[in-house]
Amino acid sequence: MIEHIVLLKFSSKTTEEQKQELIRKTLLLRNEIPGIMDIRQGNNFSDRSQGFEMGLTVRFEDRTSLENYGPHPSHQEVFSYLQEIGLEDSIIVDFEI
């Protein structure tokens, strides 16, 4: 299995409504992209976050599933929305479990 972790930092102009819509769209990917075993996303409440406001974890069956995730049209739609609402920075970590 592969664990995919993403931390997101947004523009000061990004609204809470836009962030909630991002979460809604992201969670739908589980039903749209083969190989996703679990997906979770939420707002960060830690004061140790260095400005990263949201976390995402996706558990994939294998590396092939992760490789197919990035270019999948449904993921690309979510990524486009993320850029549209003001993504400023991200950190991505992938590891095998």
PDB file of N, CA and C in Angstrom:
ATOM      1  N   MET A   1       0.842  -1.186   0.000  1.00  0.00           N
ATOM      2  CA  MET A   1       0.000   0.000   0.000  1.00  0.00           C
ATOM      3  C   MET A   1       0.885   1.246   0.000  1.00  0.00           C
ATOM      4  N   ILE A   2       0.329   2.300  -0.531  1.00  0.00           N
ATOM      5  CA  ILE A   2       1.013   3.588  -0.610  1.00  0.00           C
ATOM      6  C   ILE A   2       0.197   4.623   0.151  1.00  0.00           C
ATOM      7  N   GLU A   3       0.895   5.394   0.971  1.00  0.00           N
ATOM      8  CA  GLU A   3       0.274   6.522   1.676  1.00  0.00           C
ATOM      9  C   GLU A   3       0.749   7.803   0.993  1.00  0.00           C
ATOM     10  N   HIS A   4      -0.203   8.627   0.570  1.00  0.00           N
ATOM     11  CA  HIS A   4       0.052   9.889  -0.124  1.00  0.00           C
ATOM     12  C   HIS A   4      -0.431  10.994   0.799  1.00  0.00           C
ATOM     13  N   ILE A   5       0.474  11.872   1.214  1.00  0.00           N
ATOM     14  CA  ILE A   5       0.142  12.950   2.150  1.00  0.00           C
ATOM     15  C   ILE A   5       0.402  14.288   1.472  1.00  0.00           C
ATOM     16  N   VAL A   6      -0.571  15.190   1.566  1.00  0.00           N
ATOM     17  CA  VAL A   6      -0.452  16.513   0.961  1.00  0.00           C
ATOM     18  C   VAL A   6      -0.828  17.563   1.999  1.00  0.00           C
ATOM     19  N   LEU A   7       0.001  18.585   2.133  1.00  0.00           N
ATOM     20  CA  LEU A   7      -0.298  19.740   2.972  1.00  0.00           C
ATOM     21  C   LEU A   7      -0.490  20.936   2.051  1.00  0.00           C
ATOM     22  N   LEU A   8      -1.513  21.738   2.331  1.00  0.00           N
ATOM     23  CA  LEU A   8      -1.878  22.842   1.441  1.00  0.00           C
ATOM     24  C   LEU A   8      -1.865  24.178   2.172  1.00  0.00           C
ATOM     25  N   LYS A   9      -1.353  25.184   1.489  1.00  0.00           N
ATOM     26  CA  LYS A   9      -1.363  26.560   1.978  1.00  0.00           C
ATOM     27  C   LYS A   9      -2.096  27.398   0.938  1.00  0.00           C
ATOM     28  N   PHE A  10      -3.030  28.237   1.398  1.00  0.00           N
ATOM     29  CA  PHE A  10      -3.887  29.007   0.505  1.00  0.00           C
ATOM     30  C   PHE A  10      -3.591  30.501   0.569  1.00  0.00           C
ATOM     31  N   SER A  11      -4.055  31.202  -0.450  1.00  0.00           N
ATOM     32  CA  SER A  11      -4.008  32.654  -0.491  1.00  0.00           C
ATOM     33  C   SER A  11      -4.911  33.207   0.615  1.00  0.00           C
ATOM     34  N   SER A  12      -4.612  34.395   1.053  1.00  0.00           N
ATOM     35  CA  SER A  12      -5.472  35.046   2.059  1.00  0.00           C
ATOM     36  C   SER A  12      -6.861  35.349   1.486  1.00  0.00           C
ATOM     37  N   LYS A  13      -7.012  35.320   0.175  1.00  0.00           N
ATOM     38  CA  LYS A  13      -8.296  35.587  -0.476  1.00  0.00           C
ATOM     39  C   LYS A  13      -9.175  34.339  -0.594  1.00  0.00           C
ATOM     40  N   THR A  14      -8.620  33.161  -0.305  1.00  0.00           N
ATOM     41  CA  THR A  14      -9.395  31.920  -0.387  1.00  0.00           C
ATOM     42  C   THR A  14     -10.408  31.898   0.746  1.00  0.00           C
ATOM     43  N   THR A  15     -11.672  31.657   0.418  1.00  0.00           N
ATOM     44  CA  THR A  15     -12.729  31.672   1.429  1.00  0.00           C
ATOM     45  C   THR A  15     -12.906  30.294   2.073  1.00  0.00           C
ATOM     46  N   GLU A  16     -13.548  30.280   3.222  1.00  0.00           N
ATOM     47  CA  GLU A  16     -13.860  29.013   3.884  1.00  0.00           C
ATOM     48  C   GLU A  16     -14.810  28.179   3.033  1.00  0.00           C
ATOM     49  N   GLU A  17     -15.721  28.837   2.341  1.00  0.00           N
ATOM     50  CA  GLU A  17     -16.647  28.122   1.462  1.00  0.00           C
ATOM     51  C   GLU A  17     -15.884  27.407   0.346  1.00  0.00           C
ATOM     52  N   GLN A  18     -14.887  28.060  -0.216  1.00  0.00           N
ATOM     53  CA  GLN A  18     -14.079  27.443  -1.266  1.00  0.00           C
ATOM     54  C   GLN A  18     -13.295  26.245  -0.714  1.00  0.00           C
ATOM     55  N   LYS A  19     -12.784  26.377   0.487  1.00  0.00           N
ATOM     56  CA  LYS A  19     -12.047  25.268   1.107  1.00  0.00           C
ATOM     57  C   LYS A  19     -12.973  24.083   1.359  1.00  0.00           C
ATOM     58  N   GLN A  20     -14.177  24.351   1.812  1.00  0.00           N
ATOM     59  CA  GLN A  20     -15.133  23.260   2.045  1.00  0.00           C
ATOM     60  C   GLN A  20     -15.547  22.596   0.737  1.00  0.00           C
ATOM     61  N   GLU A  21     -15.674  23.385  -0.311  1.00  0.00           N
ATOM     62  CA  GLU A  21     -15.988  22.829  -1.629  1.00  0.00           C
ATOM     63  C   GLU A  21     -14.833  21.961  -2.136  1.00  0.00           C
ATOM     64  N   LEU A  22     -13.612  22.385  -1.877  1.00  0.00           N
ATOM     65  CA  LEU A  22     -12.448  21.577  -2.242  1.00  0.00           C
ATOM     66  C   LEU A  22     -12.501  20.222  -1.543  1.00  0.00           C
ATOM     67  N   ILE A  23     -12.798  20.216  -0.261  1.00  0.00           N
ATOM     68  CA  ILE A  23     -12.892  18.965   0.488  1.00  0.00           C
ATOM     69  C   ILE A  23     -13.984  18.083  -0.112  1.00  0.00           C
ATOM     70  N   ARG A  24     -15.123  18.658  -0.400  1.00  0.00           N
ATOM     71  CA  ARG A  24     -16.228  17.882  -0.982  1.00  0.00           C
ATOM     72  C   ARG A  24     -15.809  17.241  -2.301  1.00  0.00           C
ATOM     73  N   LYS A  25     -15.195  18.037  -3.183  1.00  0.00           N
ATOM     74  CA  LYS A  25     -14.760  17.531  -4.485  1.00  0.00           C
ATOM     75  C   LYS A  25     -13.689  16.450  -4.328  1.00  0.00           C
ATOM     76  N   THR A  26     -12.773  16.666  -3.418  1.00  0.00           N
ATOM     77  CA  THR A  26     -11.675  15.708  -3.222  1.00  0.00           C
ATOM     78  C   THR A  26     -12.190  14.364  -2.737  1.00  0.00           C
ATOM     79  N   LEU A  27     -13.095  14.371  -1.778  1.00  0.00           N
ATOM     80  CA  LEU A  27     -13.588  13.114  -1.222  1.00  0.00           C
ATOM     81  C   LEU A  27     -14.350  12.280  -2.248  1.00  0.00           C
ATOM     82  N   LEU A  28     -14.906  12.929  -3.263  1.00  0.00           N
ATOM     83  CA  LEU A  28     -15.606  12.207  -4.326  1.00  0.00           C
ATOM     84  C   LEU A  28     -14.656  11.373  -5.191  1.00  0.00           C
ATOM     85  N   LEU A  29     -13.361  11.694  -5.150  1.00  0.00           N
ATOM     86  CA  LEU A  29     -12.397  10.974  -5.978  1.00  0.00           C
ATOM     87  C   LEU A  29     -12.336   9.488  -5.643  1.00  0.00           C
ATOM     88  N   ARG A  30     -12.683   9.137  -4.419  1.00  0.00           N
ATOM     89  CA  ARG A  30     -12.639   7.718  -4.026  1.00  0.00           C
ATOM     90  C   ARG A  30     -13.522   6.859  -4.930  1.00  0.00           C
ATOM     91  N   ASN A  31     -14.632   7.420  -5.353  1.00  0.00           N
ATOM     92  CA  ASN A  31     -15.560   6.679  -6.206  1.00  0.00           C
ATOM     93  C   ASN A  31     -15.240   6.807  -7.687  1.00  0.00           C
ATOM     94  N   GLU A  32     -14.284   7.656  -8.033  1.00  0.00           N
ATOM     95  CA  GLU A  32     -14.022   7.954  -9.436  1.00  0.00           C
ATOM     96  C   GLU A  32     -12.681   7.435  -9.946  1.00  0.00           C
ATOM     97  N   ILE A  33     -11.730   7.221  -9.051  1.00  0.00           N
ATOM     98  CA  ILE A  33     -10.387   6.824  -9.482  1.00  0.00           C
ATOM     99  C   ILE A  33     -10.060   5.447  -8.927  1.00  0.00           C
ATOM    100  N   PRO A  34      -9.791   4.490  -9.794  1.00  0.00           N
ATOM    101  CA  PRO A  34      -9.449   3.133  -9.336  1.00  0.00           C
ATOM    102  C   PRO A  34      -8.169   3.129  -8.502  1.00  0.00           C
ATOM    103  N   GLY A  35      -8.142   2.248  -7.517  1.00  0.00           N
ATOM    104  CA  GLY A  35      -6.944   2.069  -6.701  1.00  0.00           C
ATOM    105  C   GLY A  35      -6.928   2.853  -5.412  1.00  0.00           C
ATOM    106  N   ILE A  36      -7.891   3.778  -5.217  1.00  0.00           N
ATOM    107  CA  ILE A  36      -7.962   4.514  -3.950  1.00  0.00           C
ATOM    108  C   ILE A  36      -8.668   3.635  -2.928  1.00  0.00           C
ATOM    109  N   MET A  37      -7.979   3.369  -1.834  1.00  0.00           N
ATOM    110  CA  MET A  37      -8.554   2.559  -0.759  1.00  0.00           C
ATOM    111  C   MET A  37      -9.219   3.426   0.301  1.00  0.00           C
ATOM    112  N   ASP A  38      -8.639   4.604   0.541  1.00  0.00           N
ATOM    113  CA  ASP A  38      -9.166   5.511   1.550  1.00  0.00           C
ATOM    114  C   ASP A  38      -8.700   6.921   1.205  1.00  0.00           C
ATOM    115  N   ILE A  39      -9.524   7.904   1.515  1.00  0.00           N
ATOM    116  CA  ILE A  39      -9.161   9.305   1.271  1.00  0.00           C
ATOM    117  C   ILE A  39      -9.792  10.150   2.375  1.00  0.00           C
ATOM    118  N   ARG A  40      -8.979  11.036   2.935  1.00  0.00           N
ATOM    119  CA  ARG A  40      -9.438  11.923   4.013  1.00  0.00           C
ATOM    120  C   ARG A  40      -8.816  13.297   3.820  1.00  0.00           C
ATOM    121  N   GLN A  41      -9.581  14.321   4.151  1.00  0.00           N
ATOM    122  CA  GLN A  41      -9.090  15.683   4.019  1.00  0.00           C
ATOM    123  C   GLN A  41      -9.769  16.550   5.060  1.00  0.00           C
ATOM    124  N   GLY A  42      -9.023  17.505   5.610  1.00  0.00           N
ATOM    125  CA  GLY A  42      -9.612  18.390   6.598  1.00  0.00           C
ATOM    126  C   GLY A  42      -8.748  19.601   6.876  1.00  0.00           C
ATOM    127  N   ASN A  43      -9.342  20.546   7.588  1.00  0.00           N
ATOM    128  CA  ASN A  43      -8.655  21.773   7.973  1.00  0.00           C
ATOM    129  C   ASN A  43      -7.733  21.511   9.152  1.00  0.00           C
ATOM    130  N   ASN A  44      -6.556  22.084   9.092  1.00  0.00           N
ATOM    131  CA  ASN A  44      -5.558  21.937  10.146  1.00  0.00           C
ATOM    132  C   ASN A  44      -5.892  22.853  11.326  1.00  0.00           C
ATOM    133  N   PHE A  45      -5.744  22.328  12.534  1.00  0.00           N
ATOM    134  CA  PHE A  45      -5.962  23.165  13.715  1.00  0.00           C
ATOM    135  C   PHE A  45      -4.695  23.334  14.549  1.00  0.00           C
ATOM    136  N   SER A  46      -3.601  22.767  14.110  1.00  0.00           N
ATOM    137  CA  SER A  46      -2.339  22.842  14.854  1.00  0.00           C
ATOM    138  C   SER A  46      -1.694  24.212  14.687  1.00  0.00           C
ATOM    139  N   ASP A  47      -1.063  24.681  15.743  1.00  0.00           N
ATOM    140  CA  ASP A  47      -0.319  25.936  15.647  1.00  0.00           C
ATOM    141  C   ASP A  47       1.137  25.678  15.245  1.00  0.00           C
ATOM    142  N   ARG A  48       1.454  24.436  14.904  1.00  0.00           N
ATOM    143  CA  ARG A  48       2.808  24.064  14.479  1.00  0.00           C
ATOM    144  C   ARG A  48       2.873  23.817  12.976  1.00  0.00           C
ATOM    145  N   SER A  49       1.949  24.365  12.226  1.00  0.00           N
ATOM    146  CA  SER A  49       1.756  24.000  10.822  1.00  0.00           C
ATOM    147  C   SER A  49       2.561  24.826   9.821  1.00  0.00           C
ATOM    148  N   GLN A  50       3.262  25.845  10.270  1.00  0.00           N
ATOM    149  CA  GLN A  50       4.041  26.731   9.398  1.00  0.00           C
ATOM    150  C   GLN A  50       3.180  27.309   8.273  1.00  0.00           C
ATOM    151  N   GLY A  51       1.920  27.561   8.584  1.00  0.00           N
ATOM    152  CA  GLY A  51       1.016  28.200   7.634  1.00  0.00           C
ATOM    153  C   GLY A  51       0.248  27.259   6.726  1.00  0.00           C
ATOM    154  N   PHE A  52       0.498  25.959   6.821  1.00  0.00           N
ATOM    155  CA  PHE A  52      -0.250  25.003   6.006  1.00  0.00           C
ATOM    156  C   PHE A  52      -1.597  24.781   6.672  1.00  0.00           C
ATOM    157  N   GLU A  53      -2.653  24.993   5.893  1.00  0.00           N
ATOM    158  CA  GLU A  53      -4.002  25.077   6.449  1.00  0.00           C
ATOM    159  C   GLU A  53      -4.849  23.832   6.290  1.00  0.00           C
ATOM    160  N   MET A  54      -4.422  22.916   5.416  1.00  0.00           N
ATOM    161  CA  MET A  54      -5.259  21.752   5.140  1.00  0.00           C
ATOM    162  C   MET A  54      -4.366  20.548   4.887  1.00  0.00           C
ATOM    163  N   GLY A  55      -4.853  19.392   5.323  1.00  0.00           N
ATOM    164  CA  GLY A  55      -4.140  18.153   5.077  1.00  0.00           C
ATOM    165  C   GLY A  55      -5.005  17.185   4.287  1.00  0.00           C
ATOM    166  N   LEU A  56      -4.349  16.350   3.495  1.00  0.00           N
ATOM    167  CA  LEU A  56      -5.003  15.325   2.697  1.00  0.00           C
ATOM    168  C   LEU A  56      -4.187  14.051   2.809  1.00  0.00           C
ATOM    169  N   THR A  57      -4.860  12.936   3.041  1.00  0.00           N
ATOM    170  CA  THR A  57      -4.202  11.636   2.960  1.00  0.00           C
ATOM    171  C   THR A  57      -5.010  10.758   2.018  1.00  0.00           C
ATOM    172  N   VAL A  58      -4.283  10.056   1.146  1.00  0.00           N
ATOM    173  CA  VAL A  58      -4.906   9.106   0.232  1.00  0.00           C
ATOM    174  C   VAL A  58      -4.125   7.806   0.346  1.00  0.00           C
ATOM    175  N   ARG A  59      -4.816   6.721   0.575  1.00  0.00           N
ATOM    176  CA  ARG A  59      -4.186   5.407   0.624  1.00  0.00           C
ATOM    177  C   ARG A  59      -4.515   4.683  -0.677  1.00  0.00           C
ATOM    178  N   PHE A  60      -3.460   4.264  -1.362  1.00  0.00           N
ATOM    179  CA  PHE A  60      -3.590   3.577  -2.646  1.00  0.00           C
ATOM    180  C   PHE A  60      -3.216   2.107  -2.501  1.00  0.00           C
ATOM    181  N   GLU A  61      -3.758   1.296  -3.392  1.00  0.00           N
ATOM    182  CA  GLU A  61      -3.447  -0.127  -3.400  1.00  0.00           C
ATOM    183  C   GLU A  61      -1.965  -0.374  -3.660  1.00  0.00           C
ATOM    184  N   ASP A  62      -1.381   0.392  -4.588  1.00  0.00           N
ATOM    185  CA  ASP A  62      -0.002   0.170  -4.991  1.00  0.00           C
ATOM    186  C   ASP A  62       0.538   1.406  -5.710  1.00  0.00           C
ATOM    187  N   ARG A  63       1.802   1.351  -6.101  1.00  0.00           N
ATOM    188  CA  ARG A  63       2.425   2.497  -6.774  1.00  0.00           C
ATOM    189  C   ARG A  63       1.771   2.802  -8.113  1.00  0.00           C
ATOM    190  N   THR A  64       1.333   1.783  -8.812  1.00  0.00           N
ATOM    191  CA  THR A  64       0.660   2.001 -10.099  1.00  0.00           C
ATOM    192  C   THR A  64      -0.601   2.839  -9.903  1.00  0.00           C
ATOM    193  N   SER A  65      -1.349   2.560  -8.851  1.00  0.00           N
ATOM    194  CA  SER A  65      -2.558   3.344  -8.562  1.00  0.00           C
ATOM    195  C   SER A  65      -2.209   4.805  -8.312  1.00  0.00           C
ATOM    196  N   LEU A  66      -1.131   5.046  -7.570  1.00  0.00           N
ATOM    197  CA  LEU A  66      -0.679   6.419  -7.324  1.00  0.00           C
ATOM    198  C   LEU A  66      -0.270   7.082  -8.639  1.00  0.00           C
ATOM    199  N   GLU A  67       0.465   6.369  -9.472  1.00  0.00           N
ATOM    200  CA  GLU A  67       0.913   6.924 -10.753  1.00  0.00           C
ATOM    201  C   GLU A  67      -0.272   7.267 -11.657  1.00  0.00           C
ATOM    202  N   ASN A  68      -1.336   6.494 -11.593  1.00  0.00           N
ATOM    203  CA  ASN A  68      -2.523   6.748 -12.413  1.00  0.00           C
ATOM    204  C   ASN A  68      -3.396   7.872 -11.863  1.00  0.00           C
ATOM    205  N   TYR A  69      -3.257   8.174 -10.584  1.00  0.00           N
ATOM    206  CA  TYR A  69      -4.052   9.192  -9.898  1.00  0.00           C
ATOM    207  C   TYR A  69      -3.770  10.594 -10.440  1.00  0.00           C
ATOM    208  N   GLY A  70      -2.495  10.951 -10.553  1.00  0.00           N
ATOM    209  CA  GLY A  70      -2.118  12.308 -10.960  1.00  0.00           C
ATOM    210  C   GLY A  70      -2.738  12.760 -12.266  1.00  0.00           C
ATOM    211  N   PRO A  71      -2.592  11.978 -13.337  1.00  0.00           N
ATOM    212  CA  PRO A  71      -3.136  12.417 -14.625  1.00  0.00           C
ATOM    213  C   PRO A  71      -4.620  12.116 -14.843  1.00  0.00           C
ATOM    214  N   HIS A  72      -5.255  11.433 -13.903  1.00  0.00           N
ATOM    215  CA  HIS A  72      -6.668  11.080 -14.075  1.00  0.00           C
ATOM    216  C   HIS A  72      -7.497  12.359 -14.229  1.00  0.00           C
ATOM    217  N   PRO A  73      -8.433  12.396 -15.193  1.00  0.00           N
ATOM    218  CA  PRO A  73      -9.228  13.605 -15.425  1.00  0.00           C
ATOM    219  C   PRO A  73      -9.959  14.130 -14.178  1.00  0.00           C
ATOM    220  N   SER A  74     -10.458  13.259 -13.328  1.00  0.00           N
ATOM    221  CA  SER A  74     -11.161  13.712 -12.114  1.00  0.00           C
ATOM    222  C   SER A  74     -10.196  14.397 -11.154  1.00  0.00           C
ATOM    223  N   HIS A  75      -8.986  13.875 -11.027  1.00  0.00           N
ATOM    224  CA  HIS A  75      -7.981  14.519 -10.172  1.00  0.00           C
ATOM    225  C   HIS A  75      -7.564  15.849 -10.782  1.00  0.00           C
ATOM    226  N   GLN A  76      -7.415  15.892 -12.076  1.00  0.00           N
ATOM    227  CA  GLN A  76      -7.022  17.136 -12.746  1.00  0.00           C
ATOM    228  C   GLN A  76      -8.080  18.224 -12.547  1.00  0.00           C
ATOM    229  N   GLU A  77      -9.358  17.847 -12.521  1.00  0.00           N
ATOM    230  CA  GLU A  77     -10.432  18.827 -12.249  1.00  0.00           C
ATOM    231  C   GLU A  77     -10.295  19.411 -10.851  1.00  0.00           C
ATOM    232  N   VAL A  78     -10.034  18.543  -9.872  1.00  0.00           N
ATOM    233  CA  VAL A  78      -9.867  19.017  -8.485  1.00  0.00           C
ATOM    234  C   VAL A  78      -8.629  19.896  -8.387  1.00  0.00           C
ATOM    235  N   PHE A  79      -7.542  19.482  -9.035  1.00  0.00           N
ATOM    236  CA  PHE A  79      -6.314  20.270  -9.001  1.00  0.00           C
ATOM    237  C   PHE A  79      -6.521  21.639  -9.644  1.00  0.00           C
ATOM    238  N   SER A  80      -7.262  21.697 -10.743  1.00  0.00           N
ATOM    239  CA  SER A  80      -7.565  22.979 -11.386  1.00  0.00           C
ATOM    240  C   SER A  80      -8.362  23.880 -10.453  1.00  0.00           C
ATOM    241  N   TYR A  81      -9.339  23.301  -9.756  1.00  0.00           N
ATOM    242  CA  TYR A  81     -10.128  24.076  -8.795  1.00  0.00           C
ATOM    243  C   TYR A  81      -9.222  24.597  -7.678  1.00  0.00           C
ATOM    244  N   LEU A  82      -8.325  23.760  -7.210  1.00  0.00           N
ATOM    245  CA  LEU A  82      -7.390  24.144  -6.151  1.00  0.00           C
ATOM    246  C   LEU A  82      -6.556  25.348  -6.583  1.00  0.00           C
ATOM    247  N   GLN A  83      -6.069  25.341  -7.794  1.00  0.00           N
ATOM    248  CA  GLN A  83      -5.296  26.472  -8.301  1.00  0.00           C
ATOM    249  C   GLN A  83      -6.183  27.709  -8.463  1.00  0.00           C
ATOM    250  N   GLU A  84      -7.405  27.492  -8.906  1.00  0.00           N
ATOM    251  CA  GLU A  84      -8.346  28.594  -9.120  1.00  0.00           C
ATOM    252  C   GLU A  84      -8.665  29.332  -7.817  1.00  0.00           C
ATOM    253  N   ILE A  85      -8.778  28.602  -6.714  1.00  0.00           N
ATOM    254  CA  ILE A  85      -9.158  29.244  -5.445  1.00  0.00           C
ATOM    255  C   ILE A  85      -7.961  29.824  -4.693  1.00  0.00           C
ATOM    256  N   GLY A  86      -6.752  29.578  -5.165  1.00  0.00           N
ATOM    257  CA  GLY A  86      -5.618  30.272  -4.561  1.00  0.00           C
ATOM    258  C   GLY A  86      -4.618  29.403  -3.826  1.00  0.00           C
ATOM    259  N   LEU A  87      -4.229  28.283  -4.394  1.00  0.00           N
ATOM    260  CA  LEU A  87      -3.157  27.481  -3.799  1.00  0.00           C
ATOM    261  C   LEU A  87      -1.867  28.284  -3.834  1.00  0.00           C
ATOM    262  N   GLU A  88      -1.228  28.433  -2.680  1.00  0.00           N
ATOM    263  CA  GLU A  88       0.049  29.146  -2.610  1.00  0.00           C
ATOM    264  C   GLU A  88       1.229  28.201  -2.509  1.00  0.00           C
ATOM    265  N   ASP A  89       1.056  27.086  -1.814  1.00  0.00           N
ATOM    266  CA  ASP A  89       2.173  26.165  -1.615  1.00  0.00           C
ATOM    267  C   ASP A  89       1.627  24.802  -1.212  1.00  0.00           C
ATOM    268  N   SER A  90       2.429  23.784  -1.445  1.00  0.00           N
ATOM    269  CA  SER A  90       2.051  22.442  -1.014  1.00  0.00           C
ATOM    270  C   SER A  90       3.304  21.636  -0.707  1.00  0.00           C
ATOM    271  N   ILE A  91       3.127  20.645   0.139  1.00  0.00           N
ATOM    272  CA  ILE A  91       4.152  19.659   0.442  1.00  0.00           C
ATOM    273  C   ILE A  91       3.518  18.303   0.197  1.00  0.00           C
ATOM    274  N   ILE A  92       4.227  17.442  -0.523  1.00  0.00           N
ATOM    275  CA  ILE A  92       3.699  16.119  -0.835  1.00  0.00           C
ATOM    276  C   ILE A  92       4.715  15.076  -0.388  1.00  0.00           C
ATOM    277  N   VAL A  93       4.223  14.056   0.313  1.00  0.00           N
ATOM    278  CA  VAL A  93       5.048  12.942   0.764  1.00  0.00           C
ATOM    279  C   VAL A  93       4.336  11.659   0.388  1.00  0.00           C
ATOM    280  N   ASP A  94       5.069  10.726  -0.223  1.00  0.00           N
ATOM    281  CA  ASP A  94       4.545   9.417  -0.572  1.00  0.00           C
ATOM    282  C   ASP A  94       5.452   8.356   0.045  1.00  0.00           C
ATOM    283  N   PHE A  95       4.839   7.361   0.682  1.00  0.00           N
ATOM    284  CA  PHE A  95       5.644   6.269   1.216  1.00  0.00           C
ATOM    285  C   PHE A  95       4.867   4.976   1.193  1.00  0.00           C
ATOM    286  N   GLU A  96       5.623   3.889   1.186  1.00  0.00           N
ATOM    287  CA  GLU A  96       5.021   2.560   1.137  1.00  0.00           C
ATOM    288  C   GLU A  96       4.837   2.035   2.560  1.00  0.00           C
ATOM    289  N   ILE A  97       3.670   1.411   2.775  1.00  0.00           N
ATOM    290  CA  ILE A  97       3.396   0.834   4.101  1.00  0.00           C
ATOM    291  C   ILE A  97       3.101  -0.653   3.983  1.00  0.00           C
TER     292      ILE A  97
END
